[in-house]
């Protein structure tokens, strides 16, 4: 303190120097933070610019018309797809009286029962395509248009399934539609272009039956079905094939001892010209040809060999005779006819 009193000028300079140093430090720190923030913003903007420059077409004023043209072309493709899918929508989609629906449901049910009975396909005794709830009481009036369309689609589905040739229809479950529960089929202002009418079925049959019904679903021109879930289980999944499942013959017919090819038919193999002549044949020339000026003898037809008796099956079938349990979860798709694409401005 005495030094400061005795050297006031020097002490003042020291205080000013310390204050300047502190001020410089604080100023530099603040500027550094601002620089870091500015650098981060710059890097982000540069990245966005690079992303935009990589787009085709690049979004500037000169490419605006190209972009509009591309959007118009894409809209045309979407409209084409929409037009193709709307061919699955019925020409008439309107409500019918609840009693009319019940009558039609009973008629379709009787027809399918007869079809499955004629083809010896077992089915649940009270099977009504999932509409069993309406055997006791008719549906709500506001639901009959959707229910009629679904009834027609399920009639087609189960007719195709019968043609596929399953052994048994085990179960059918149809979830109630929202309109059957007093709710709207679609949320307000929804732009979803279709309604999904779900159904689940389980059947038993050969692998060919599964292939045929899937082919029918994929190639239908009348109804658009979407396979949401598919589960297949072998009926012999818990029991692998064993050697005792196959019967072997001790002595197969047509294959006696000796030549293993004897009795299998008339196999007339041509002679190999590279083979040497048979030394036991005195007429054969040593060089394998006709000799000097000699004429080859006319070919002699081989003696006919008696056809072998039909052989018995040696190996039994080990795999492929099993049946499958198949579970299908499907959506019958009803496309809306009131969905409009947004206008291009």
Foldseek 3Di string as FASTA:
>chain_A
DVVCVVCVPVVVVVVVVVVVVVVVVVVVVVVVVVVVVVVVVVVVVVVVQVVQVPDVPRPDPVCPVVVLVVVVVVVVVVVVVVVLVCLLADPDQDFDDQVVLLVVLVVLQVVLVVLCVVLQAAEDPQDRQAVSVPVVPTFDRVCRRVVVVVSVVSSVLSVQLVVLPARYWYDKHWDDQQVSVVHDNDDPPDLPFWGWGKMKTKTKGAPSSVVRSVVCQVPDSHWHKDFPDKDKDWPCNVPAFDPVVKDFDPDKAQQDPDDRCPQQADDDDDDDQVDADDVVDPCQDRVRDQPDVGDDDDDDDDDHDDHHDDIDDGIDDGDRPIMMIMMTMMITIHGDPPRDDDDDD
